[in-house]
C-alpha cells in the first residue's frame, strides 16, 4: 500500500507503516527528524501522486479550541487553516484519516468520527485526539492502561513545546499501521 503521512516531521507514523511492510512517505515543510522517505514541501504538491491511504496531521495552531481566547485576532489564519484541512479531506485518496485535537474543524467542517486517547494505546496519558475518517474503520484500542496523566497539557513553555506536543504516540501509530494498513 502507498501511504502518505501528511504534516509529519517526526517519522513516527511513517516508520510504523514501513515496519508493517508498506511504502510510506512523510511530508512536511520541515525536514524529517529521522532517516527515511520524506518529502520536504507542501503536501498539496503531492496529493495526486496515487496514494492509497493518507494520515494527515495538519497544524492545530489556528484550529485548536485550547487557543480560543485568541480566535478573534486570527480570523484570516483560521480561514486558511480550515481551507487546508478541507483540501486534505477532499484529496483524491480512497482512505483518509485526519487527526487534530478538539478544534473548530468540528463546528466549521464536520464533527469527528472518533475521539481517542493515548491511554487506549499503551500510554498512561491524556490527550484527546479527534479523527476524521474516510474509507476507514474506527481505530480500536490496543492496550488500555492506567495513568491518565495530562503531561502534554501541562508541558511548560519552551522553544520546542509545539514540536513535542505534535508528535504522535508510538502506540497510536502502531495501531494505525496494524488496523488501517
Protein backbone atom coordinates (compact mmCIF):
# COMPACT_ATOMS: atom_id res chain seq x y z
CA UNK A 1 0.00 0.00 0.00
CA UNK A 2 1.20 3.54 -0.78
CA UNK A 3 0.84 5.63 2.38
CA UNK A 4 1.26 9.39 2.67
CA UNK A 5 1.75 10.79 6.16
CA UNK A 6 0.99 14.48 5.78
CA UNK A 7 2.39 17.16 8.07
CA UNK A 8 4.72 14.79 9.90
CA UNK A 9 8.36 15.63 10.63
CA UNK A 10 8.96 13.00 13.34
CA UNK A 11 8.62 9.91 11.14
CA UNK A 12 6.74 8.02 13.88
CA UNK A 13 3.65 7.17 11.79
CA UNK A 14 5.63 6.77 8.56
CA UNK A 15 8.01 4.30 10.18
CA UNK A 16 5.16 2.31 11.77
CA UNK A 17 3.69 1.75 8.30
CA UNK A 18 7.11 0.91 6.84
CA UNK A 19 7.69 -1.70 9.57
CA UNK A 20 4.31 -3.18 8.60
CA UNK A 21 5.57 -3.60 5.03
CA UNK A 22 4.06 -0.58 3.28
CA UNK A 23 5.65 2.09 1.10
CA UNK A 24 5.19 5.11 3.36
CA UNK A 25 6.36 8.69 2.88
CA UNK A 26 6.15 11.51 5.39
CA UNK A 27 5.71 15.07 4.19
CA UNK A 28 6.22 18.37 5.95
CA UNK A 29 7.65 21.81 5.27
CA UNK A 30 10.20 20.95 7.97
CA UNK A 31 12.90 18.34 7.44
CA UNK A 32 12.37 14.88 8.90
CA UNK A 33 13.92 14.29 12.30
CA UNK A 34 14.65 10.67 11.37
CA UNK A 35 16.06 8.93 8.34
CA UNK A 36 13.50 7.67 5.88
CA UNK A 37 11.37 8.61 2.91
CA UNK A 38 10.37 12.24 3.43
CA UNK A 39 9.11 14.90 1.03
CA UNK A 40 10.04 18.37 2.25
CA UNK A 41 7.49 20.81 0.95
CA UNK A 42 3.74 21.32 0.76
CA UNK A 43 1.65 18.19 0.88
CA UNK A 44 -0.67 19.88 -1.64
CA UNK A 45 2.08 19.33 -4.23
CA UNK A 46 1.89 15.54 -3.95
CA UNK A 47 -1.75 14.80 -3.06
CA UNK A 48 -2.48 13.41 -6.53
CA UNK A 49 0.51 11.05 -6.73
CA UNK A 50 -1.51 7.83 -6.44
CA UNK A 51 -1.73 7.26 -2.69
CA UNK A 52 -3.92 4.52 -1.21
CA UNK A 53 -4.02 5.99 2.29
CA UNK A 54 -3.24 9.34 3.86
CA UNK A 55 -2.79 10.00 7.55
CA UNK A 56 -2.86 13.80 7.94
CA UNK A 57 -1.75 15.84 10.94
CA UNK A 58 -2.49 19.45 9.93
CA UNK A 59 -1.07 22.12 12.25
CA UNK A 60 -3.51 22.94 15.03
CA UNK A 61 -2.12 26.39 15.88
CA UNK A 62 -5.12 28.29 14.50
CA UNK A 63 -7.68 25.50 14.96
CA UNK A 64 -7.46 24.03 18.48
CA UNK A 65 -10.04 25.24 20.96
CA UNK A 66 -7.28 25.42 23.57
CA UNK A 67 -6.36 28.71 21.88
CA UNK A 68 -9.93 30.04 21.71
CA UNK A 69 -9.07 33.23 23.57
CA UNK A 70 -7.03 34.34 20.53
CA UNK A 71 -9.60 33.38 17.87
CA UNK A 72 -10.90 36.94 17.41
CA UNK A 73 -7.42 38.05 16.37
CA UNK A 74 -6.76 35.28 13.85
CA UNK A 75 -9.76 35.19 11.51
CA UNK A 76 -7.64 35.10 8.35
CA UNK A 77 -5.27 32.44 9.71
CA UNK A 78 -8.24 30.29 10.73
CA UNK A 79 -9.82 30.58 7.31
CA UNK A 80 -6.54 29.48 5.68
CA UNK A 81 -6.12 26.60 8.14
CA UNK A 82 -9.70 25.40 7.53
CA UNK A 83 -9.22 25.60 3.75
CA UNK A 84 -6.08 23.48 4.13
CA UNK A 85 -7.96 20.90 6.22
CA UNK A 86 -10.77 20.80 3.65
CA UNK A 87 -8.22 20.27 0.84
CA UNK A 88 -6.77 17.32 2.74
CA UNK A 89 -10.20 15.81 3.39
CA UNK A 90 -11.16 16.28 -0.28
CA UNK A 91 -7.95 14.71 -1.62
CA UNK A 92 -8.42 12.03 -4.29
CA UNK A 93 -7.22 9.32 -1.91
CA UNK A 94 -9.56 6.41 -1.08
CA UNK A 95 -8.65 6.18 2.61
CA UNK A 96 -8.01 9.23 4.76
CA UNK A 97 -7.54 9.81 8.48
CA UNK A 98 -7.13 13.39 9.61
CA UNK A 99 -6.16 13.92 13.24
CA UNK A 100 -6.29 17.05 15.36
CA UNK A 101 -7.07 17.99 18.93
CA UNK A 102 -10.54 19.26 19.77
CA UNK A 103 -10.86 22.11 17.31
CA UNK A 104 -13.07 24.30 15.18
CA UNK A 105 -12.92 21.66 12.46
CA UNK A 106 -15.84 20.08 14.33
CA UNK A 107 -18.06 23.13 14.00
CA UNK A 108 -16.85 24.56 10.68
CA UNK A 109 -16.37 21.42 8.57
CA UNK A 110 -17.85 18.40 10.36
CA UNK A 111 -17.77 16.52 13.62
CA UNK A 112 -15.03 13.92 14.08
CA UNK A 113 -15.81 10.26 13.54
CA UNK A 114 -13.88 9.25 16.65
CA UNK A 115 -12.07 10.65 19.66
CA UNK A 116 -9.13 8.64 21.01
CA UNK A 117 -6.75 8.94 23.97
CA UNK A 118 -3.13 7.78 24.37
CA UNK A 119 -4.12 5.63 27.39
CA UNK A 120 -6.14 3.44 24.99
CA UNK A 121 -2.90 2.56 23.16
CA UNK A 122 -0.41 1.83 25.93
CA UNK A 123 0.49 5.34 27.14
CA UNK A 124 -0.74 6.42 30.59
CA UNK A 125 -1.53 9.94 29.49
CA UNK A 126 -4.46 12.03 28.36
CA UNK A 127 -4.51 13.94 25.10
CA UNK A 128 -7.94 13.98 23.49
CA UNK A 129 -7.38 13.46 19.77
CA UNK A 130 -10.11 13.66 17.16
CA UNK A 131 -10.12 11.57 13.99
CA UNK A 132 -11.98 12.45 10.81
CA UNK A 133 -12.15 9.31 8.67
CA UNK A 134 -12.86 8.47 5.04
CA UNK A 135 -12.98 4.83 3.94
CA UNK A 136 -11.50 3.62 7.23
CA UNK A 137 -12.96 1.87 10.29
CA UNK A 138 -12.76 3.35 13.76
CA UNK A 139 -9.40 2.75 15.43
CA UNK A 140 -9.77 0.01 18.04
CA UNK A 141 -7.93 0.43 21.38
CA UNK A 142 -4.98 -1.94 21.65
CA UNK A 143 -3.70 -1.57 25.23
CA UNK A 144 -5.82 0.29 27.78
CA UNK A 145 -3.57 1.35 30.65
CA UNK A 146 -3.92 3.18 33.93
CA UNK A 147 -2.39 6.56 34.48
CA UNK A 148 -4.36 9.34 32.86
CA UNK A 149 -1.67 11.98 33.39
CA UNK A 150 -2.10 15.24 31.43
CA UNK A 151 1.65 15.51 30.71
CA UNK A 152 1.25 17.12 27.27
CA UNK A 153 -1.26 19.70 28.56
CA UNK A 154 1.00 20.62 31.48
CA UNK A 155 4.16 20.86 29.40
CA UNK A 156 5.97 24.11 30.35
CA UNK A 157 6.65 26.80 27.77
CA UNK A 158 9.78 26.21 25.73
CA UNK A 159 11.19 26.78 22.26
CA UNK A 160 10.26 23.24 21.19
CA UNK A 161 6.95 22.83 23.06
CA UNK A 162 4.84 22.90 19.89
CA UNK A 163 7.06 20.34 18.19
CA UNK A 164 6.98 17.99 21.19
CA UNK A 165 3.20 18.30 21.57
CA UNK A 166 2.63 17.35 17.94
CA UNK A 167 4.49 14.03 17.88
CA UNK A 168 2.18 11.02 17.58
CA UNK A 169 2.37 8.45 20.36
CA UNK A 170 4.03 5.22 19.19
CA UNK A 171 1.11 3.06 20.35
CA UNK A 172 -1.33 5.08 18.23
CA UNK A 173 0.98 4.96 15.21
CA UNK A 174 1.37 1.19 15.58
CA UNK A 175 -2.41 0.74 15.85
CA UNK A 176 -2.95 2.82 12.69
CA UNK A 177 -0.44 0.70 10.77
CA UNK A 178 -1.84 -2.61 12.04
CA UNK A 179 -5.52 -1.74 11.60
CA UNK A 180 -5.51 0.52 8.55
CA UNK A 181 -2.60 -0.98 6.68
